[in-house]
Amino acid sequence: MPSRDQACLACDGRGLLMDDEEWHYTCKICNGDGFMPQGTNVANRQLADVDETNRILD
């Protein structure tokens, strides 16, 4: 796990996100790395491609 000052805030440094049905997805903010310097601008994010139940499609 990355140090707290470099950990992605969205996935808490794990690189995966989980929905309410416990499906795991690669974090779109850090691209699954788990590293994200706190000062990094995330304004260039892409919209995720999702299905009708809002599950992220790869």
Protein backbone atom coordinates (compact mmCIF):
# COMPACT_ATOMS: atom_id res chain seq x y z
CA MET A 1 0.00 0.00 0.00
CA PRO A 2 1.38 3.45 -0.86
CA SER A 3 2.16 5.98 1.84
CA ARG A 4 -0.81 8.07 2.99
CA ASP A 5 0.42 11.24 1.28
CA GLN A 6 0.64 9.46 -2.08
CA ALA A 7 -2.43 7.18 -1.79
CA CYS A 8 -5.35 7.67 -4.15
CA LEU A 9 -8.22 9.23 -2.22
CA ALA A 10 -10.90 7.46 -4.26
CA CYS A 11 -9.72 3.88 -3.62
CA ASP A 12 -7.65 4.50 -0.47
CA GLY A 13 -4.53 3.17 -2.20
CA ARG A 14 -6.00 -0.23 -3.08
CA GLY A 15 -6.46 0.37 -6.81
CA LEU A 16 -9.94 -1.16 -6.71
CA LEU A 17 -13.40 0.19 -6.05
CA MET A 18 -16.36 -1.91 -4.92
CA ASP A 19 -20.06 -1.34 -5.54
CA ASP A 20 -22.94 -2.23 -3.22
CA GLU A 21 -23.15 -5.74 -4.71
CA GLU A 22 -19.42 -6.25 -3.94
CA TRP A 23 -18.30 -6.20 -7.57
CA HIS A 24 -14.72 -4.93 -7.77
CA TYR A 25 -13.60 -2.43 -10.39
CA THR A 26 -10.30 -0.84 -11.31
CA CYS A 27 -10.15 2.68 -9.91
CA LYS A 28 -10.58 5.17 -12.76
CA ILE A 29 -8.86 7.98 -10.83
CA CYS A 30 -5.47 6.27 -10.33
CA ASN A 31 -5.91 3.63 -13.09
CA GLY A 32 -5.50 0.86 -10.51
CA ASP A 33 -2.08 1.97 -9.31
CA GLY A 34 -3.22 3.17 -5.90
CA PHE A 35 -0.84 6.14 -6.19
CA MET A 36 -2.10 9.68 -6.56
CA PRO A 37 -0.19 12.64 -5.17
CA GLN A 38 -2.63 14.77 -3.17
CA GLY A 39 -1.87 17.87 -5.24
CA THR A 40 -2.65 16.18 -8.57
CA ASN A 41 -5.41 17.73 -10.64
CA VAL A 42 -8.05 15.16 -11.62
CA ALA A 43 -10.06 17.54 -13.79
CA ASN A 44 -9.07 15.60 -16.94
CA ARG A 45 -11.04 12.52 -15.92
CA GLN A 46 -12.88 10.56 -18.58
CA LEU A 47 -16.49 9.58 -18.12
CA ALA A 48 -16.78 5.88 -17.36
CA ASP A 49 -18.62 3.63 -19.81
CA VAL A 50 -21.38 1.97 -17.76
CA ASP A 51 -24.18 -0.50 -18.37
CA GLU A 52 -27.85 0.02 -17.44
CA THR A 53 -27.13 -0.83 -13.78
CA ASN A 54 -24.20 1.65 -13.65
CA ARG A 55 -21.51 -1.03 -13.58
CA ILE A 56 -18.30 0.13 -15.21
CA LEU A 57 -17.52 -1.57 -18.52
CA ASP A 58 -13.88 -2.11 -19.47
